[in-house]
């Protein structure tokens, strides 16, 4: 199944919404014996690059866990548009593959500049293609809301995502400040997960 003129692979809406009890980075998966966790990819692309090119080789490991969040391939604002589209394609393609193999997959939504979440450049908001409405999605804020400019783009993309997908549940990995989320908190059920670095710092205290 493909979506839009760009033919982005689709991640289907699950029959039942499952909210993860905890998230673990892909690079740390072998350190966990708690397979009720969901594996996420909110880390540097190099840490999960092999999944993008050889997902089959990692399937047996991933299937031990309750589910996965589709890969968070980078969409930097200064990236050429074709690379932003390509990384969105890979996000959905790997998610679609894992879902087709029987894993519970929550689509990760990542946007870059306004070309990805508006129709300013293309006739479609490609950041949201391949994801069905009224379901569960995941977003990451870690490293994305530090500067004033980053916050502006993040807020615009977040509001565009809520308008386009109308999700029932939004998982938020990383900081969830009221300055960004207070005015949209009534538009979906937001579930917060601290980033891995913060969790490890608290454990070391």
N, C-alpha and C. Protein backbone atom coordinates (compact mmCIF):
# COMPACT_ATOMS: atom_id res chain seq x y z
N UNK A 1 0.84 -1.19 0.00
CA UNK A 1 0.00 0.00 0.00
C UNK A 1 0.87 1.24 0.00
N UNK A 2 0.52 2.19 -0.85
CA UNK A 2 1.27 3.44 -0.94
C UNK A 2 0.30 4.61 -0.82
N UNK A 3 0.83 5.74 -0.40
CA UNK A 3 0.00 6.91 -0.14
C UNK A 3 0.52 8.10 -0.92
N UNK A 4 -0.39 8.79 -1.63
CA UNK A 4 -0.05 10.03 -2.29
C UNK A 4 0.70 9.86 -3.60
N UNK A 5 0.94 11.00 -4.24
CA UNK A 5 1.65 10.97 -5.52
C UNK A 5 3.11 10.56 -5.34
N UNK A 6 3.64 10.71 -4.14
CA UNK A 6 5.01 10.29 -3.85
C UNK A 6 5.10 8.80 -3.53
N UNK A 7 3.95 8.16 -3.39
CA UNK A 7 3.87 6.72 -3.11
C UNK A 7 4.70 6.33 -1.87
N UNK A 8 4.36 6.96 -0.77
CA UNK A 8 4.99 6.64 0.52
C UNK A 8 4.32 5.39 1.09
N UNK A 9 5.09 4.39 1.52
CA UNK A 9 4.49 3.17 2.09
C UNK A 9 3.63 3.48 3.30
N UNK A 10 2.59 2.68 3.48
CA UNK A 10 1.62 2.92 4.55
C UNK A 10 1.88 2.03 5.77
N UNK A 11 1.69 2.62 6.93
CA UNK A 11 1.64 1.89 8.19
C UNK A 11 0.18 1.92 8.62
N UNK A 12 -0.44 0.76 8.71
CA UNK A 12 -1.87 0.69 8.98
C UNK A 12 -2.20 1.04 10.42
N UNK A 13 -3.38 1.58 10.59
CA UNK A 13 -3.91 1.84 11.92
C UNK A 13 -4.15 0.50 12.62
N UNK A 14 -3.69 0.32 13.85
CA UNK A 14 -3.88 -0.97 14.54
C UNK A 14 -5.33 -1.18 14.94
N UNK A 15 -5.72 -2.43 15.09
CA UNK A 15 -7.07 -2.74 15.54
C UNK A 15 -7.31 -2.25 16.96
N UNK A 16 -6.25 -2.26 17.75
CA UNK A 16 -6.34 -1.84 19.15
C UNK A 16 -5.16 -0.93 19.47
N UNK A 17 -5.43 0.17 20.14
CA UNK A 17 -4.34 1.08 20.52
C UNK A 17 -3.66 0.56 21.77
N UNK A 18 -2.36 0.37 21.68
CA UNK A 18 -1.55 -0.05 22.82
C UNK A 18 -0.59 1.09 23.16
N UNK A 19 -0.65 1.56 24.40
CA UNK A 19 0.25 2.61 24.85
C UNK A 19 1.43 1.95 25.56
N UNK A 20 2.66 2.14 25.06
CA UNK A 20 3.83 1.47 25.67
C UNK A 20 4.01 1.82 27.14
N UNK A 21 4.41 0.83 27.92
CA UNK A 21 4.73 1.08 29.33
C UNK A 21 6.08 1.77 29.46
N UNK A 22 6.96 1.55 28.48
CA UNK A 22 8.29 2.16 28.48
C UNK A 22 8.88 2.04 27.09
N UNK A 23 9.88 2.88 26.81
CA UNK A 23 10.57 2.86 25.53
C UNK A 23 12.05 2.61 25.75
N UNK A 24 12.68 1.91 24.81
CA UNK A 24 14.12 1.67 24.89
C UNK A 24 14.75 1.95 23.53
N UNK A 25 15.90 2.62 23.49
CA UNK A 25 16.55 2.89 22.20
C UNK A 25 16.99 1.60 21.53
N UNK A 26 16.96 1.59 20.22
CA UNK A 26 17.40 0.43 19.46
C UNK A 26 18.81 0.01 19.85
N UNK A 27 19.71 0.99 20.05
CA UNK A 27 21.10 0.67 20.36
C UNK A 27 21.28 0.04 21.74
N UNK A 28 20.26 0.15 22.59
CA UNK A 28 20.33 -0.40 23.95
C UNK A 28 19.47 -1.66 24.12
N UNK A 29 18.93 -2.15 23.04
CA UNK A 29 17.96 -3.25 23.11
C UNK A 29 18.52 -4.50 23.78
N UNK A 30 19.81 -4.76 23.59
CA UNK A 30 20.40 -5.98 24.15
C UNK A 30 20.65 -5.87 25.66
N UNK A 31 20.47 -4.68 26.22
CA UNK A 31 20.65 -4.48 27.65
C UNK A 31 19.36 -4.71 28.43
N UNK A 32 18.30 -4.99 27.73
CA UNK A 32 17.00 -5.10 28.39
C UNK A 32 16.48 -6.54 28.39
N UNK A 33 15.87 -6.89 29.50
CA UNK A 33 15.14 -8.16 29.60
C UNK A 33 13.65 -7.91 29.75
N UNK A 34 13.26 -6.64 29.66
CA UNK A 34 11.86 -6.27 29.79
C UNK A 34 11.26 -6.14 28.39
N UNK A 35 10.73 -7.22 27.91
CA UNK A 35 10.22 -7.22 26.54
C UNK A 35 8.84 -6.60 26.42
N UNK A 36 8.33 -6.03 27.52
CA UNK A 36 7.09 -5.25 27.43
C UNK A 36 7.36 -3.85 26.90
N UNK A 37 8.64 -3.50 26.77
CA UNK A 37 9.01 -2.19 26.23
C UNK A 37 8.79 -2.14 24.72
N UNK A 38 8.72 -0.93 24.20
CA UNK A 38 8.73 -0.70 22.76
C UNK A 38 10.12 -0.20 22.37
N UNK A 39 10.63 -0.66 21.27
CA UNK A 39 11.92 -0.19 20.76
C UNK A 39 11.69 1.08 19.94
N UNK A 40 12.51 2.09 20.19
CA UNK A 40 12.42 3.32 19.41
C UNK A 40 13.76 3.63 18.76
N UNK A 41 13.73 4.60 17.84
CA UNK A 41 14.93 4.97 17.07
C UNK A 41 15.22 6.47 17.20
N UNK A 42 14.91 7.03 18.36
CA UNK A 42 15.20 8.44 18.61
C UNK A 42 16.65 8.59 19.05
N UNK A 43 17.55 8.38 18.13
CA UNK A 43 18.98 8.51 18.36
C UNK A 43 19.65 8.78 17.02
N UNK A 44 20.97 8.92 17.04
CA UNK A 44 21.67 9.27 15.80
C UNK A 44 21.42 8.19 14.74
N UNK A 45 21.21 8.64 13.52
CA UNK A 45 20.89 7.72 12.42
C UNK A 45 21.91 6.59 12.28
N UNK A 46 23.17 6.87 12.58
CA UNK A 46 24.19 5.84 12.41
C UNK A 46 23.95 4.65 13.34
N UNK A 47 23.23 4.87 14.44
CA UNK A 47 22.99 3.79 15.40
C UNK A 47 21.98 2.76 14.89
N UNK A 48 21.20 3.15 13.90
CA UNK A 48 20.22 2.20 13.36
C UNK A 48 20.29 2.09 11.83
N UNK A 49 21.38 2.55 11.26
CA UNK A 49 21.52 2.54 9.80
C UNK A 49 21.35 1.14 9.21
N UNK A 50 21.83 0.13 9.92
CA UNK A 50 21.75 -1.24 9.39
C UNK A 50 20.31 -1.74 9.31
N UNK A 51 19.45 -1.21 10.17
CA UNK A 51 18.04 -1.61 10.11
C UNK A 51 17.43 -1.14 8.79
N UNK A 52 17.85 0.02 8.32
CA UNK A 52 17.28 0.57 7.09
C UNK A 52 17.67 -0.23 5.86
N UNK A 53 18.83 -0.85 5.91
CA UNK A 53 19.31 -1.60 4.75
C UNK A 53 19.16 -3.11 4.90
N UNK A 54 18.95 -3.58 6.12
CA UNK A 54 18.84 -5.02 6.35
C UNK A 54 17.87 -5.29 7.50
N UNK A 55 16.65 -4.83 7.34
CA UNK A 55 15.65 -4.98 8.42
C UNK A 55 15.41 -6.45 8.75
N UNK A 56 15.48 -7.30 7.75
CA UNK A 56 15.23 -8.73 7.95
C UNK A 56 16.18 -9.32 8.98
N UNK A 57 17.42 -8.87 8.97
CA UNK A 57 18.43 -9.41 9.88
C UNK A 57 18.16 -9.04 11.34
N UNK A 58 17.39 -7.99 11.58
CA UNK A 58 17.12 -7.53 12.94
C UNK A 58 15.72 -7.92 13.42
N UNK A 59 14.96 -8.57 12.57
CA UNK A 59 13.58 -8.87 12.91
C UNK A 59 13.47 -9.78 14.13
N UNK A 60 14.28 -10.83 14.19
CA UNK A 60 14.18 -11.78 15.30
C UNK A 60 14.42 -11.11 16.65
N UNK A 61 15.30 -10.13 16.68
CA UNK A 61 15.55 -9.39 17.91
C UNK A 61 14.38 -8.48 18.25
N UNK A 62 13.88 -7.76 17.26
CA UNK A 62 12.81 -6.80 17.49
C UNK A 62 11.50 -7.48 17.89
N UNK A 63 11.26 -8.66 17.36
CA UNK A 63 9.98 -9.32 17.64
C UNK A 63 9.85 -9.79 19.09
N UNK A 64 10.95 -9.77 19.85
CA UNK A 64 10.90 -10.13 21.27
C UNK A 64 10.14 -9.07 22.08
N UNK A 65 10.14 -7.85 21.56
CA UNK A 65 9.54 -6.74 22.29
C UNK A 65 8.06 -6.59 21.93
N UNK A 66 7.36 -5.84 22.75
CA UNK A 66 5.92 -5.67 22.54
C UNK A 66 5.63 -4.94 21.24
N UNK A 67 6.54 -4.08 20.84
CA UNK A 67 6.32 -3.34 19.60
C UNK A 67 7.49 -2.43 19.30
N UNK A 68 7.36 -1.70 18.20
CA UNK A 68 8.41 -0.76 17.79
C UNK A 68 7.76 0.53 17.31
N UNK A 69 8.55 1.59 17.37
CA UNK A 69 8.19 2.86 16.75
C UNK A 69 9.02 2.96 15.47
N UNK A 70 8.40 3.33 14.39
CA UNK A 70 9.12 3.35 13.11
C UNK A 70 10.33 4.28 13.18
N UNK A 71 11.37 4.00 12.38
CA UNK A 71 12.65 4.72 12.48
C UNK A 71 12.52 6.24 12.35
N UNK A 72 13.29 6.92 13.19
CA UNK A 72 13.31 8.38 13.21
C UNK A 72 14.43 8.88 12.31
N UNK A 73 14.27 8.69 11.02
CA UNK A 73 15.28 9.17 10.06
C UNK A 73 15.26 10.70 10.05
N UNK A 74 16.44 11.29 10.09
CA UNK A 74 16.55 12.74 10.26
C UNK A 74 15.90 13.52 9.13
N UNK A 75 15.22 14.60 9.51
CA UNK A 75 14.69 15.57 8.55
C UNK A 75 15.16 16.96 8.98
N UNK A 76 16.42 17.26 8.72
CA UNK A 76 16.94 18.58 9.06
C UNK A 76 16.37 19.62 8.10
N UNK A 77 16.17 20.82 8.61
CA UNK A 77 15.57 21.86 7.79
C UNK A 77 16.45 22.27 6.62
N UNK A 78 17.76 22.13 6.76
CA UNK A 78 18.65 22.52 5.67
C UNK A 78 18.94 21.35 4.72
N UNK A 79 18.27 20.23 4.92
CA UNK A 79 18.42 19.09 4.01
C UNK A 79 17.77 19.41 2.66
N UNK A 80 18.36 18.96 1.57
CA UNK A 80 17.66 19.05 0.29
C UNK A 80 16.30 18.36 0.39
N UNK A 81 15.33 18.87 -0.30
CA UNK A 81 13.98 18.34 -0.21
C UNK A 81 13.92 16.86 -0.56
N UNK A 82 14.69 16.45 -1.54
CA UNK A 82 14.66 15.05 -1.96
C UNK A 82 15.11 14.12 -0.83
N UNK A 83 16.05 14.58 0.00
CA UNK A 83 16.51 13.75 1.13
C UNK A 83 15.47 13.70 2.24
N UNK A 84 14.77 14.81 2.46
CA UNK A 84 13.69 14.80 3.44
C UNK A 84 12.61 13.80 3.03
N UNK A 85 12.29 13.80 1.75
CA UNK A 85 11.28 12.85 1.25
C UNK A 85 11.79 11.42 1.36
N UNK A 86 13.07 11.21 0.98
CA UNK A 86 13.64 9.86 1.04
C UNK A 86 13.65 9.31 2.45
N UNK A 87 13.96 10.15 3.43
CA UNK A 87 14.00 9.70 4.82
C UNK A 87 12.59 9.43 5.37
N UNK A 88 11.62 10.19 4.90
CA UNK A 88 10.23 9.89 5.26
C UNK A 88 9.83 8.54 4.66
N UNK A 89 10.24 8.31 3.44
CA UNK A 89 9.96 7.02 2.77
C UNK A 89 10.55 5.86 3.58
N UNK A 90 11.80 5.99 4.02
CA UNK A 90 12.44 4.91 4.76
C UNK A 90 11.76 4.67 6.10
N UNK A 91 11.36 5.74 6.77
CA UNK A 91 10.61 5.64 8.02
C UNK A 91 9.41 4.72 7.82
N UNK A 92 8.61 5.03 6.82
CA UNK A 92 7.38 4.26 6.59
C UNK A 92 7.67 2.88 6.00
N UNK A 93 8.67 2.78 5.15
CA UNK A 93 8.96 1.49 4.51
C UNK A 93 9.37 0.44 5.54
N UNK A 94 10.24 0.83 6.47
CA UNK A 94 10.65 -0.12 7.51
C UNK A 94 9.50 -0.42 8.44
N UNK A 95 8.73 0.60 8.79
CA UNK A 95 7.55 0.38 9.62
C UNK A 95 6.56 -0.55 8.96
N UNK A 96 6.33 -0.36 7.67
CA UNK A 96 5.41 -1.23 6.92
C UNK A 96 5.92 -2.67 6.89
N UNK A 97 7.21 -2.83 6.65
CA UNK A 97 7.79 -4.17 6.60
C UNK A 97 7.63 -4.89 7.94
N UNK A 98 7.97 -4.23 9.02
CA UNK A 98 7.88 -4.85 10.34
C UNK A 98 6.43 -5.16 10.70
N UNK A 99 5.52 -4.26 10.32
CA UNK A 99 4.10 -4.51 10.58
C UNK A 99 3.60 -5.71 9.77
N UNK A 100 4.02 -5.80 8.52
CA UNK A 100 3.62 -6.92 7.68
C UNK A 100 4.13 -8.25 8.22
N UNK A 101 5.24 -8.19 8.96
CA UNK A 101 5.82 -9.41 9.55
C UNK A 101 5.19 -9.73 10.91
N UNK A 102 4.24 -8.92 11.35
CA UNK A 102 3.51 -9.22 12.57
C UNK A 102 3.82 -8.37 13.77
N UNK A 103 4.75 -7.41 13.67
CA UNK A 103 5.06 -6.56 14.81
C UNK A 103 4.02 -5.45 14.97
N UNK A 104 3.83 -5.03 16.20
CA UNK A 104 2.97 -3.87 16.47
C UNK A 104 3.82 -2.62 16.22
N UNK A 105 3.43 -1.82 15.26
CA UNK A 105 4.23 -0.67 14.85
C UNK A 105 3.45 0.62 15.06
N UNK A 106 4.09 1.56 15.76
CA UNK A 106 3.55 2.91 15.94
C UNK A 106 4.34 3.84 15.01
N UNK A 107 3.66 4.54 14.11
CA UNK A 107 4.39 5.42 13.19
C UNK A 107 5.00 6.63 13.89
N UNK A 108 6.25 6.87 13.61
CA UNK A 108 6.93 8.07 14.08
C UNK A 108 6.70 9.18 13.07
N UNK A 109 6.31 10.34 13.54
CA UNK A 109 6.08 11.48 12.66
C UNK A 109 7.20 12.49 12.87
N UNK A 110 7.90 12.77 11.80
CA UNK A 110 9.01 13.73 11.84
C UNK A 110 8.83 14.71 10.70
N UNK A 111 8.99 15.99 10.96
CA UNK A 111 8.92 16.99 9.92
C UNK A 111 10.19 17.81 9.91
N UNK A 112 10.46 18.46 8.79
CA UNK A 112 11.64 19.30 8.65
C UNK A 112 11.21 20.76 8.58
N UNK A 113 11.43 21.41 7.44
CA UNK A 113 10.97 22.78 7.28
C UNK A 113 9.53 22.78 6.77
N UNK A 114 9.02 23.97 6.47
CA UNK A 114 7.60 24.09 6.10
C UNK A 114 7.25 23.31 4.83
N UNK A 115 8.25 22.97 4.01
CA UNK A 115 7.96 22.20 2.80
C UNK A 115 7.45 20.80 3.13
N UNK A 116 7.76 20.31 4.33
CA UNK A 116 7.37 18.96 4.70
C UNK A 116 5.97 18.89 5.33
N UNK A 117 5.52 19.97 5.95
CA UNK A 117 4.23 19.92 6.65
C UNK A 117 3.20 20.91 6.12
N UNK A 118 3.50 21.56 4.97
CA UNK A 118 2.53 22.42 4.29
C UNK A 118 2.55 22.06 2.80
N UNK A 119 1.71 22.71 2.05
CA UNK A 119 1.71 22.52 0.59
C UNK A 119 2.38 23.71 -0.10
N UNK A 120 3.32 24.35 0.59
CA UNK A 120 4.01 25.50 0.02
C UNK A 120 4.84 25.12 -1.20
N UNK A 121 5.39 23.91 -1.20
CA UNK A 121 6.28 23.49 -2.28
C UNK A 121 5.68 22.35 -3.10
N UNK A 122 5.02 21.43 -2.42
CA UNK A 122 4.43 20.26 -3.07
C UNK A 122 2.93 20.24 -2.82
N UNK A 123 2.17 19.50 -3.62
CA UNK A 123 0.72 19.45 -3.41
C UNK A 123 0.29 18.60 -2.22
N UNK A 124 1.26 17.94 -1.56
CA UNK A 124 0.96 17.10 -0.41
C UNK A 124 1.90 17.42 0.75
N UNK A 125 1.40 17.23 1.97
CA UNK A 125 2.23 17.39 3.16
C UNK A 125 2.90 16.05 3.42
N UNK A 126 4.07 15.86 2.82
CA UNK A 126 4.63 14.51 2.79
C UNK A 126 5.04 13.98 4.16
N UNK A 127 5.22 14.87 5.14
CA UNK A 127 5.60 14.40 6.48
C UNK A 127 4.53 13.51 7.10
N UNK A 128 3.31 13.59 6.58
CA UNK A 128 2.20 12.85 7.18
C UNK A 128 1.69 11.73 6.28
N UNK A 129 2.29 11.56 5.13
CA UNK A 129 1.85 10.50 4.22
C UNK A 129 2.16 9.12 4.81
N UNK A 130 1.33 8.16 4.48
CA UNK A 130 1.56 6.78 4.93
C UNK A 130 1.09 6.50 6.34
N UNK A 131 0.35 7.45 6.93
CA UNK A 131 -0.15 7.29 8.30
C UNK A 131 -1.65 7.55 8.29
N UNK A 132 -2.42 6.65 8.85
CA UNK A 132 -3.87 6.79 8.85
C UNK A 132 -4.34 7.70 9.99
N UNK A 133 -5.47 8.31 9.78
CA UNK A 133 -6.04 9.21 10.78
C UNK A 133 -6.60 8.45 11.98
N UNK A 134 -6.81 9.20 13.06
CA UNK A 134 -7.53 8.73 14.25
C UNK A 134 -6.89 7.49 14.86
N UNK A 135 -5.57 7.53 15.01
CA UNK A 135 -4.86 6.38 15.54
C UNK A 135 -3.85 6.85 16.59
N UNK A 136 -2.77 6.10 16.71
CA UNK A 136 -1.69 6.43 17.64
C UNK A 136 -0.44 6.75 16.85
N UNK A 137 0.26 7.82 17.22
CA UNK A 137 1.50 8.21 16.57
C UNK A 137 2.52 8.57 17.64
N UNK A 138 3.76 8.74 17.23
CA UNK A 138 4.83 9.11 18.15
C UNK A 138 5.63 10.27 17.55
N UNK A 139 6.08 11.17 18.41
CA UNK A 139 6.94 12.27 17.99
C UNK A 139 8.10 12.38 18.97
N UNK A 140 9.19 12.97 18.51
CA UNK A 140 10.35 13.18 19.37
C UNK A 140 10.69 14.66 19.46
N UNK A 141 10.96 15.12 20.67
CA UNK A 141 11.34 16.52 20.87
C UNK A 141 12.82 16.68 21.21
N UNK A 142 13.47 15.58 21.52
CA UNK A 142 14.86 15.63 22.01
C UNK A 142 15.76 16.29 20.97
N UNK A 143 16.37 17.42 21.33
CA UNK A 143 17.25 18.14 20.42
C UNK A 143 16.53 19.00 19.40
N UNK A 144 15.19 19.07 19.48
CA UNK A 144 14.42 19.76 18.44
C UNK A 144 13.79 21.06 18.91
N UNK A 145 13.88 21.36 20.21
CA UNK A 145 13.17 22.54 20.71
C UNK A 145 14.08 23.42 21.58
N UNK A 146 15.37 23.35 21.34
CA UNK A 146 16.31 24.10 22.18
C UNK A 146 16.33 25.59 21.84
N UNK A 147 16.31 25.92 20.56
CA UNK A 147 16.39 27.33 20.17
C UNK A 147 15.00 27.87 19.86
N UNK A 148 14.89 29.18 19.81
CA UNK A 148 13.62 29.83 19.50
C UNK A 148 13.15 29.44 18.10
N UNK A 149 14.07 29.43 17.15
CA UNK A 149 13.72 29.07 15.77
C UNK A 149 13.24 27.63 15.69
N UNK A 150 13.94 26.73 16.39
CA UNK A 150 13.53 25.32 16.39
C UNK A 150 12.12 25.17 16.96
N UNK A 151 11.83 25.89 18.02
CA UNK A 151 10.51 25.81 18.64
C UNK A 151 9.42 26.26 17.67
N UNK A 152 9.70 27.32 16.91
CA UNK A 152 8.70 27.82 15.96
C UNK A 152 8.35 26.75 14.94
N UNK A 153 9.37 26.13 14.35
CA UNK A 153 9.13 25.09 13.36
C UNK A 153 8.46 23.87 13.99
N UNK A 154 8.86 23.55 15.21
CA UNK A 154 8.28 22.38 15.87
C UNK A 154 6.79 22.60 16.13
N UNK A 155 6.44 23.77 16.65
CA UNK A 155 5.04 24.08 16.95
C UNK A 155 4.21 24.07 15.67
N UNK A 156 4.73 24.68 14.62
CA UNK A 156 3.99 24.71 13.36
C UNK A 156 3.75 23.29 12.84
N UNK A 157 4.80 22.45 12.89
CA UNK A 157 4.67 21.08 12.43
C UNK A 157 3.73 20.26 13.29
N UNK A 158 3.80 20.48 14.60
CA UNK A 158 2.93 19.75 15.53
C UNK A 158 1.46 20.08 15.25
N UNK A 159 1.16 21.37 15.10
CA UNK A 159 -0.22 21.76 14.84
C UNK A 159 -0.69 21.24 13.49
N UNK A 160 0.19 21.24 12.50
CA UNK A 160 -0.16 20.70 11.18
C UNK A 160 -0.43 19.20 11.27
N UNK A 161 0.36 18.49 12.06
CA UNK A 161 0.16 17.06 12.23
C UNK A 161 -1.18 16.76 12.88
N UNK A 162 -1.52 17.52 13.93
CA UNK A 162 -2.79 17.32 14.61
C UNK A 162 -3.96 17.63 13.69
N UNK A 163 -3.82 18.64 12.85
CA UNK A 163 -4.87 18.98 11.88
C UNK A 163 -5.03 17.87 10.85
N UNK A 164 -3.93 17.35 10.37
CA UNK A 164 -3.95 16.39 9.26
C UNK A 164 -4.35 14.99 9.72
N UNK A 165 -3.79 14.51 10.82
CA UNK A 165 -3.98 13.11 11.23
C UNK A 165 -5.02 12.93 12.33
N UNK A 166 -5.32 13.98 13.06
CA UNK A 166 -6.30 13.91 14.14
C UNK A 166 -6.10 12.65 15.01
N UNK A 167 -4.89 12.46 15.54
CA UNK A 167 -4.60 11.24 16.29
C UNK A 167 -5.35 11.17 17.62
N UNK A 168 -5.62 9.95 18.04
CA UNK A 168 -6.23 9.75 19.36
C UNK A 168 -5.17 9.83 20.45
N UNK A 169 -3.98 9.28 20.16
CA UNK A 169 -2.88 9.24 21.13
C UNK A 169 -1.61 9.73 20.46
N UNK A 170 -0.85 10.56 21.17
CA UNK A 170 0.45 11.03 20.69
C UNK A 170 1.50 10.73 21.77
N UNK A 171 2.44 9.88 21.46
CA UNK A 171 3.56 9.63 22.35
C UNK A 171 4.59 10.72 22.15
N UNK A 172 5.16 11.21 23.23
CA UNK A 172 6.16 12.29 23.14
C UNK A 172 7.44 11.83 23.81
N UNK A 173 8.49 11.65 23.01
CA UNK A 173 9.79 11.24 23.54
C UNK A 173 10.65 12.48 23.70
N UNK A 174 11.09 12.74 24.93
CA UNK A 174 11.89 13.93 25.20
C UNK A 174 11.07 14.95 25.98
N UNK A 175 11.58 16.16 26.05
CA UNK A 175 10.92 17.20 26.81
C UNK A 175 9.51 17.50 26.30
N UNK A 176 8.63 17.85 27.22
CA UNK A 176 7.25 18.18 26.85
C UNK A 176 6.82 19.45 27.58
N UNK A 177 7.44 20.58 27.25
CA UNK A 177 7.17 21.82 27.98
C UNK A 177 5.78 22.39 27.71
N UNK A 178 5.21 23.01 28.73
CA UNK A 178 3.89 23.62 28.59
C UNK A 178 3.89 24.72 27.54
N UNK A 179 5.02 25.37 27.35
CA UNK A 179 5.09 26.46 26.38
C UNK A 179 4.77 25.98 24.97
N UNK A 180 4.92 24.68 24.72
CA UNK A 180 4.63 24.11 23.41
C UNK A 180 3.33 23.31 23.43
N UNK A 181 3.11 22.53 24.48
CA UNK A 181 2.02 21.55 24.47
C UNK A 181 0.75 22.00 25.17
N UNK A 182 0.81 23.05 25.98
CA UNK A 182 -0.37 23.45 26.75
C UNK A 182 -1.57 23.76 25.85
N UNK A 183 -1.31 24.44 24.74
CA UNK A 183 -2.44 24.87 23.90
C UNK A 183 -2.97 23.78 22.98
N UNK A 184 -2.31 22.61 22.96
CA UNK A 184 -2.80 21.52 22.09
C UNK A 184 -3.17 20.28 22.89
N UNK A 185 -3.01 20.32 24.21
CA UNK A 185 -3.17 19.12 25.02
C UNK A 185 -4.58 18.54 25.00
N UNK A 186 -5.56 19.36 24.59
CA UNK A 186 -6.93 18.87 24.54
C UNK A 186 -7.28 18.27 23.18
N UNK A 187 -6.30 18.21 22.27
CA UNK A 187 -6.57 17.72 20.92
C UNK A 187 -6.24 16.24 20.75
N UNK A 188 -5.62 15.64 21.76
CA UNK A 188 -5.28 14.22 21.73
C UNK A 188 -4.85 13.83 23.13
N UNK A 189 -4.69 12.55 23.35
CA UNK A 189 -4.11 12.06 24.62
C UNK A 189 -2.61 12.04 24.43
N UNK A 190 -1.88 12.90 25.14
CA UNK A 190 -0.43 12.96 25.03
C UNK A 190 0.19 12.13 26.15
N UNK A 191 1.14 11.28 25.79
CA UNK A 191 1.82 10.42 26.76
C UNK A 191 3.31 10.72 26.70
N UNK A 192 3.89 11.13 27.82
CA UNK A 192 5.28 11.58 27.85
C UNK A 192 6.24 10.48 28.27
N UNK A 193 7.39 10.42 27.57
CA UNK A 193 8.47 9.49 27.91
C UNK A 193 9.78 10.27 27.99
N UNK A 194 10.45 10.29 29.14
CA UNK A 194 11.74 10.99 29.24
C UNK A 194 12.76 10.37 28.29
N UNK A 195 13.69 11.19 27.83
CA UNK A 195 14.71 10.66 26.94
C UNK A 195 15.66 9.75 27.72
N UNK A 196 16.34 8.88 27.01
CA UNK A 196 17.20 7.84 27.60
C UNK A 196 18.31 8.44 28.45
N UNK A 197 18.92 9.54 27.98
CA UNK A 197 20.01 10.18 28.71
C UNK A 197 19.53 10.67 30.07
N UNK A 198 18.37 11.29 30.11
CA UNK A 198 17.83 11.79 31.38
C UNK A 198 17.54 10.65 32.34
N UNK A 199 17.02 9.54 31.81
CA UNK A 199 16.71 8.39 32.65
C UNK A 199 17.99 7.83 33.27
N UNK A 200 19.06 7.73 32.50
CA UNK A 200 20.32 7.19 33.01
C UNK A 200 20.94 8.11 34.04
N UNK A 201 20.80 9.42 33.85
CA UNK A 201 21.34 10.38 34.82
C UNK A 201 20.62 10.24 36.16
N UNK A 202 19.30 10.06 36.11
CA UNK A 202 18.55 9.91 37.35
C UNK A 202 18.91 8.62 38.07
N UNK A 203 19.18 7.58 37.31
CA UNK A 203 19.53 6.30 37.91
C UNK A 203 20.91 6.34 38.58
N UNK A 204 21.78 7.23 38.08
CA UNK A 204 23.14 7.30 38.63
C UNK A 204 23.23 8.16 39.88
N UNK A 205 22.18 8.90 40.17
CA UNK A 205 22.19 9.78 41.36
C UNK A 205 21.99 8.96 42.64
